Amino acid sequence: MKKNLLIFSILSLLILGITLGAYVYKIGPFKEKIASTKFIIKGINCQSCEHKIKNELSKQKGFKSCSIDTKTGVTTLTYIEEPNRKEELLQTIKTLGFTTKGVSKLRLDSYKIEFK
């Protein structure tokens, strides 16, 4: 009886270990370097414009968030820092017919850990 219980316990732990190992391997955490850019969008004057910009940006790779003040045009764009990512996101705004002014890069030292 004790032998069967011991064998069952060992097999259960082995199966649990294999399952958890496979799960962690599959979703493995990775670090993303997050950056933020602050600038002014010229030509934005209503919430419809804001929605249009946010909608198009949300389709782009690496986009995280965007806050736009429709009265002043001051915009903060947060994205995954990768080569040319900022330029691609800004180009998306320009293709919608808006212009950008005063683009500056704000580095965020924190890393966001996500699971895939």
N, C-alpha and C. Protein backbone atom coordinates (compact mmCIF):
# COMPACT_ATOMS: atom_id res chain seq x y z
N MET A 1 0.82 -1.20 0.00
CA MET A 1 0.00 0.00 0.00
C MET A 1 0.87 1.27 0.00
N LYS A 2 1.87 1.31 0.88
CA LYS A 2 2.75 2.47 0.93
C LYS A 2 3.54 2.59 -0.37
N LYS A 3 3.90 1.46 -0.95
CA LYS A 3 4.66 1.47 -2.19
C LYS A 3 3.82 2.06 -3.32
N ASN A 4 2.55 1.67 -3.39
CA ASN A 4 1.64 2.20 -4.43
C ASN A 4 1.42 3.69 -4.25
N LEU A 5 1.29 4.13 -3.00
CA LEU A 5 1.11 5.55 -2.72
C LEU A 5 2.35 6.34 -3.11
N LEU A 6 3.52 5.79 -2.83
CA LEU A 6 4.77 6.44 -3.19
C LEU A 6 4.91 6.55 -4.71
N ILE A 7 4.61 5.48 -5.42
CA ILE A 7 4.69 5.48 -6.89
C ILE A 7 3.69 6.49 -7.46
N PHE A 8 2.47 6.50 -6.92
CA PHE A 8 1.45 7.44 -7.39
C PHE A 8 1.91 8.88 -7.15
N SER A 9 2.48 9.16 -5.99
CA SER A 9 2.94 10.51 -5.66
C SER A 9 4.06 10.94 -6.60
N ILE A 10 5.00 10.05 -6.86
CA ILE A 10 6.12 10.37 -7.75
C ILE A 10 5.61 10.64 -9.16
N LEU A 11 4.72 9.80 -9.65
CA LEU A 11 4.16 9.99 -11.00
C LEU A 11 3.37 11.29 -11.09
N SER A 12 2.61 11.60 -10.05
CA SER A 12 1.82 12.84 -10.05
C SER A 12 2.74 14.06 -10.11
N LEU A 13 3.80 14.06 -9.31
CA LEU A 13 4.75 15.17 -9.32
C LEU A 13 5.47 15.27 -10.66
N LEU A 14 5.81 14.15 -11.23
CA LEU A 14 6.47 14.14 -12.54
C LEU A 14 5.57 14.73 -13.62
N ILE A 15 4.32 14.31 -13.63
CA ILE A 15 3.36 14.82 -14.62
C ILE A 15 3.13 16.31 -14.40
N LEU A 16 2.99 16.73 -13.15
CA LEU A 16 2.80 18.14 -12.84
C LEU A 16 4.01 18.96 -13.28
N GLY A 17 5.20 18.46 -13.02
CA GLY A 17 6.42 19.16 -13.42
C GLY A 17 6.54 19.30 -14.91
N ILE A 18 6.23 18.24 -15.64
CA ILE A 18 6.30 18.28 -17.10
C ILE A 18 5.26 19.26 -17.65
N THR A 19 4.06 19.23 -17.10
CA THR A 19 3.00 20.13 -17.56
C THR A 19 3.36 21.59 -17.32
N LEU A 20 3.82 21.90 -16.11
CA LEU A 20 4.21 23.28 -15.81
C LEU A 20 5.40 23.72 -16.64
N GLY A 21 6.36 22.83 -16.83
CA GLY A 21 7.53 23.16 -17.64
C GLY A 21 7.14 23.48 -19.07
N ALA A 22 6.24 22.70 -19.63
CA ALA A 22 5.78 22.95 -21.00
C ALA A 22 5.01 24.26 -21.08
N TYR A 23 4.22 24.54 -20.07
CA TYR A 23 3.43 25.77 -20.04
C TYR A 23 4.35 27.00 -19.99
N VAL A 24 5.31 26.97 -19.09
CA VAL A 24 6.24 28.10 -18.96
C VAL A 24 7.06 28.25 -20.23
N TYR A 25 7.47 27.16 -20.83
CA TYR A 25 8.25 27.22 -22.07
C TYR A 25 7.41 27.84 -23.18
N LYS A 26 6.14 27.47 -23.24
CA LYS A 26 5.27 27.96 -24.30
C LYS A 26 4.99 29.45 -24.18
N ILE A 27 4.69 29.92 -22.97
CA ILE A 27 4.31 31.32 -22.82
C ILE A 27 5.46 32.19 -22.38
N GLY A 28 6.61 31.61 -22.11
CA GLY A 28 7.79 32.27 -21.58
C GLY A 28 7.74 33.78 -21.52
N PRO A 29 8.04 34.35 -20.39
CA PRO A 29 8.00 35.80 -20.27
C PRO A 29 9.10 36.46 -21.10
N PHE A 30 8.82 37.60 -21.63
CA PHE A 30 9.83 38.36 -22.36
C PHE A 30 9.71 39.81 -21.94
N LYS A 31 10.77 40.52 -22.09
CA LYS A 31 10.76 41.92 -21.68
C LYS A 31 10.60 42.81 -22.91
N GLU A 32 9.80 43.82 -22.72
CA GLU A 32 9.63 44.82 -23.77
C GLU A 32 10.17 46.13 -23.25
N LYS A 33 10.95 46.78 -24.06
CA LYS A 33 11.42 48.12 -23.71
C LYS A 33 10.35 49.08 -24.19
N ILE A 34 9.79 49.83 -23.26
CA ILE A 34 8.71 50.74 -23.58
C ILE A 34 9.26 52.16 -23.71
N ALA A 35 8.83 52.85 -24.76
CA ALA A 35 9.24 54.24 -24.98
C ALA A 35 7.98 55.09 -25.16
N SER A 36 8.15 56.38 -24.97
CA SER A 36 7.03 57.30 -25.12
C SER A 36 7.51 58.54 -25.87
N THR A 37 6.65 59.08 -26.71
CA THR A 37 6.97 60.26 -27.49
C THR A 37 5.87 61.30 -27.27
N LYS A 38 6.27 62.53 -27.04
CA LYS A 38 5.30 63.61 -26.84
C LYS A 38 5.46 64.63 -27.96
N PHE A 39 4.34 65.03 -28.55
CA PHE A 39 4.37 65.96 -29.67
C PHE A 39 3.00 66.61 -29.83
N ILE A 40 2.89 67.49 -30.80
CA ILE A 40 1.63 68.16 -31.10
C ILE A 40 1.13 67.70 -32.46
N ILE A 41 -0.14 67.36 -32.51
CA ILE A 41 -0.78 67.03 -33.79
C ILE A 41 -1.53 68.28 -34.25
N LYS A 42 -1.17 68.77 -35.41
CA LYS A 42 -1.86 69.93 -35.98
C LYS A 42 -3.03 69.44 -36.84
N GLY A 43 -4.14 70.14 -36.72
CA GLY A 43 -5.30 69.81 -37.53
C GLY A 43 -6.33 68.97 -36.80
N ILE A 44 -6.03 68.57 -35.58
CA ILE A 44 -6.99 67.79 -34.81
C ILE A 44 -7.89 68.77 -34.06
N ASN A 45 -9.21 68.61 -34.19
CA ASN A 45 -10.09 69.57 -33.55
C ASN A 45 -11.36 68.95 -32.95
N CYS A 46 -11.47 67.63 -32.98
CA CYS A 46 -12.67 67.01 -32.41
C CYS A 46 -12.37 65.57 -31.98
N GLN A 47 -13.31 65.00 -31.27
CA GLN A 47 -13.13 63.63 -30.79
C GLN A 47 -13.19 62.61 -31.93
N SER A 48 -13.84 62.98 -33.01
CA SER A 48 -13.88 62.09 -34.17
C SER A 48 -12.47 61.93 -34.76
N CYS A 49 -11.74 63.04 -34.82
CA CYS A 49 -10.35 63.00 -35.29
C CYS A 49 -9.51 62.13 -34.35
N GLU A 50 -9.70 62.35 -33.04
CA GLU A 50 -8.97 61.57 -32.05
C GLU A 50 -9.25 60.07 -32.21
N HIS A 51 -10.51 59.72 -32.37
CA HIS A 51 -10.90 58.32 -32.54
C HIS A 51 -10.28 57.74 -33.81
N LYS A 52 -10.28 58.51 -34.87
CA LYS A 52 -9.71 58.07 -36.16
C LYS A 52 -8.23 57.75 -36.00
N ILE A 53 -7.50 58.63 -35.31
CA ILE A 53 -6.06 58.43 -35.10
C ILE A 53 -5.80 57.20 -34.23
N LYS A 54 -6.50 57.13 -33.11
CA LYS A 54 -6.30 56.00 -32.18
C LYS A 54 -6.67 54.67 -32.84
N ASN A 55 -7.71 54.69 -33.63
CA ASN A 55 -8.14 53.47 -34.32
C ASN A 55 -7.06 52.96 -35.27
N GLU A 56 -6.49 53.87 -36.06
CA GLU A 56 -5.44 53.48 -37.00
C GLU A 56 -4.15 53.06 -36.28
N LEU A 57 -3.80 53.78 -35.22
CA LEU A 57 -2.59 53.43 -34.46
C LEU A 57 -2.72 52.06 -33.81
N SER A 58 -3.92 51.74 -33.33
CA SER A 58 -4.12 50.46 -32.65
C SER A 58 -3.90 49.26 -33.58
N LYS A 59 -3.93 49.48 -34.86
CA LYS A 59 -3.70 48.41 -35.84
C LYS A 59 -2.21 48.18 -36.11
N GLN A 60 -1.39 49.11 -35.62
CA GLN A 60 0.04 49.06 -35.93
C GLN A 60 0.81 48.22 -34.91
N LYS A 61 1.82 47.52 -35.41
CA LYS A 61 2.67 46.70 -34.56
C LYS A 61 3.44 47.58 -33.58
N GLY A 62 3.49 47.16 -32.33
CA GLY A 62 4.26 47.86 -31.32
C GLY A 62 3.53 48.98 -30.61
N PHE A 63 2.33 49.33 -31.07
CA PHE A 63 1.56 50.40 -30.44
C PHE A 63 1.04 49.93 -29.09
N LYS A 64 1.16 50.79 -28.06
CA LYS A 64 0.65 50.46 -26.73
C LYS A 64 -0.51 51.37 -26.33
N SER A 65 -0.29 52.68 -26.38
CA SER A 65 -1.36 53.60 -25.99
C SER A 65 -1.10 54.98 -26.56
N CYS A 66 -2.14 55.81 -26.50
CA CYS A 66 -2.04 57.16 -27.03
C CYS A 66 -3.03 58.04 -26.28
N SER A 67 -2.56 59.19 -25.82
CA SER A 67 -3.48 60.16 -25.23
C SER A 67 -3.37 61.45 -26.04
N ILE A 68 -4.52 61.99 -26.40
CA ILE A 68 -4.57 63.18 -27.24
C ILE A 68 -5.49 64.21 -26.59
N ASP A 69 -4.99 65.42 -26.45
CA ASP A 69 -5.80 66.54 -25.99
C ASP A 69 -6.31 67.24 -27.24
N THR A 70 -7.59 67.11 -27.52
CA THR A 70 -8.14 67.65 -28.77
C THR A 70 -8.14 69.17 -28.81
N LYS A 71 -8.06 69.83 -27.67
CA LYS A 71 -8.03 71.30 -27.65
C LYS A 71 -6.67 71.85 -28.04
N THR A 72 -5.61 71.19 -27.56
CA THR A 72 -4.25 71.70 -27.81
C THR A 72 -3.49 70.86 -28.84
N GLY A 73 -3.92 69.63 -29.05
CA GLY A 73 -3.22 68.72 -29.97
C GLY A 73 -2.05 68.00 -29.32
N VAL A 74 -1.79 68.28 -28.03
CA VAL A 74 -0.68 67.63 -27.33
C VAL A 74 -0.99 66.13 -27.22
N THR A 75 -0.03 65.35 -27.68
CA THR A 75 -0.20 63.90 -27.78
C THR A 75 0.96 63.18 -27.12
N THR A 76 0.65 62.13 -26.40
CA THR A 76 1.66 61.25 -25.86
C THR A 76 1.41 59.86 -26.43
N LEU A 77 2.41 59.34 -27.09
CA LEU A 77 2.33 58.05 -27.78
C LEU A 77 3.28 57.07 -27.09
N THR A 78 2.75 55.95 -26.64
CA THR A 78 3.56 54.93 -25.97
C THR A 78 3.61 53.69 -26.86
N TYR A 79 4.81 53.13 -27.00
CA TYR A 79 5.02 52.04 -27.93
C TYR A 79 6.20 51.18 -27.48
N ILE A 80 6.31 50.01 -28.09
CA ILE A 80 7.45 49.14 -27.85
C ILE A 80 8.63 49.71 -28.61
N GLU A 81 9.73 49.92 -27.90
CA GLU A 81 10.90 50.53 -28.54
C GLU A 81 11.60 49.50 -29.43
N GLU A 82 11.49 49.74 -30.72
CA GLU A 82 12.14 48.91 -31.73
C GLU A 82 12.64 49.85 -32.83
N PRO A 83 13.59 49.40 -33.64
CA PRO A 83 14.08 50.26 -34.71
C PRO A 83 12.94 50.74 -35.63
N ASN A 84 12.88 52.03 -35.88
CA ASN A 84 11.92 52.67 -36.78
C ASN A 84 10.46 52.62 -36.31
N ARG A 85 10.19 52.11 -35.12
CA ARG A 85 8.80 51.99 -34.65
C ARG A 85 8.14 53.37 -34.52
N LYS A 86 8.85 54.33 -33.89
CA LYS A 86 8.29 55.67 -33.70
C LYS A 86 7.97 56.30 -35.05
N GLU A 87 8.89 56.20 -35.99
CA GLU A 87 8.70 56.80 -37.30
C GLU A 87 7.49 56.19 -38.02
N GLU A 88 7.32 54.87 -37.89
CA GLU A 88 6.18 54.20 -38.54
C GLU A 88 4.86 54.67 -37.94
N LEU A 89 4.83 54.82 -36.61
CA LEU A 89 3.60 55.29 -35.96
C LEU A 89 3.29 56.74 -36.33
N LEU A 90 4.33 57.58 -36.38
CA LEU A 90 4.12 58.98 -36.79
C LEU A 90 3.67 59.06 -38.24
N GLN A 91 4.20 58.20 -39.09
CA GLN A 91 3.80 58.17 -40.50
C GLN A 91 2.32 57.79 -40.63
N THR A 92 1.86 56.91 -39.75
CA THR A 92 0.44 56.54 -39.75
C THR A 92 -0.43 57.76 -39.51
N ILE A 93 -0.02 58.60 -38.58
CA ILE A 93 -0.77 59.83 -38.29
C ILE A 93 -0.74 60.77 -39.50
N LYS A 94 0.41 60.87 -40.14
CA LYS A 94 0.54 61.77 -41.30
C LYS A 94 -0.28 61.28 -42.49
N THR A 95 -0.40 59.97 -42.66
CA THR A 95 -1.20 59.45 -43.79
C THR A 95 -2.69 59.73 -43.59
N LEU A 96 -3.09 60.05 -42.37
CA LEU A 96 -4.49 60.40 -42.11
C LEU A 96 -4.76 61.87 -42.40
N GLY A 97 -3.70 62.62 -42.78
CA GLY A 97 -3.87 64.02 -43.15
C GLY A 97 -3.50 65.01 -42.06
N PHE A 98 -2.88 64.53 -41.00
CA PHE A 98 -2.47 65.42 -39.91
C PHE A 98 -0.97 65.65 -39.99
N THR A 99 -0.51 66.74 -39.37
CA THR A 99 0.93 66.98 -39.29
C THR A 99 1.33 66.95 -37.82
N THR A 100 2.60 66.62 -37.59
CA THR A 100 3.12 66.56 -36.22
C THR A 100 4.21 67.60 -36.05
N LYS A 101 4.32 68.10 -34.83
CA LYS A 101 5.29 69.15 -34.54
C LYS A 101 5.90 68.89 -33.16
N GLY A 102 7.20 69.14 -33.04
CA GLY A 102 7.86 69.04 -31.74
C GLY A 102 8.01 67.64 -31.20
N VAL A 103 8.35 66.70 -32.06
CA VAL A 103 8.48 65.31 -31.62
C VAL A 103 9.71 65.16 -30.74
N SER A 104 9.50 64.59 -29.57
CA SER A 104 10.62 64.30 -28.67
C SER A 104 10.42 62.91 -28.10
N LYS A 105 11.51 62.28 -27.75
CA LYS A 105 11.45 60.92 -27.24
C LYS A 105 11.67 60.92 -25.74
N LEU A 106 10.79 60.25 -25.03
CA LEU A 106 10.91 60.09 -23.59
C LEU A 106 11.21 58.62 -23.32
N ARG A 107 12.34 58.34 -22.71
CA ARG A 107 12.68 56.94 -22.42
C ARG A 107 12.06 56.55 -21.10
N LEU A 108 11.45 55.41 -21.10
CA LEU A 108 10.91 54.86 -19.87
C LEU A 108 11.84 53.75 -19.44
N ASP A 109 12.42 53.87 -18.28
CA ASP A 109 13.40 52.90 -17.82
C ASP A 109 12.78 51.59 -17.37
N SER A 110 11.50 51.58 -17.15
CA SER A 110 10.88 50.35 -16.67
C SER A 110 10.64 49.39 -17.82
N TYR A 111 10.62 48.15 -17.48
CA TYR A 111 10.32 47.10 -18.44
C TYR A 111 8.98 46.51 -18.08
N LYS A 112 8.22 46.20 -19.07
CA LYS A 112 6.94 45.57 -18.84
C LYS A 112 7.09 44.10 -19.19
N ILE A 113 6.72 43.25 -18.28
CA ILE A 113 6.81 41.81 -18.54
C ILE A 113 5.44 41.34 -18.96
N GLU A 114 5.39 40.71 -20.10
CA GLU A 114 4.14 40.18 -20.62
C GLU A 114 4.30 38.70 -20.91
N PHE A 115 3.19 38.03 -20.99
CA PHE A 115 3.20 36.62 -21.33
C PHE A 115 2.50 36.46 -22.67
N LYS A 116 3.10 35.66 -23.51
CA LYS A 116 2.56 35.45 -24.84
C LYS A 116 1.81 34.15 -24.88
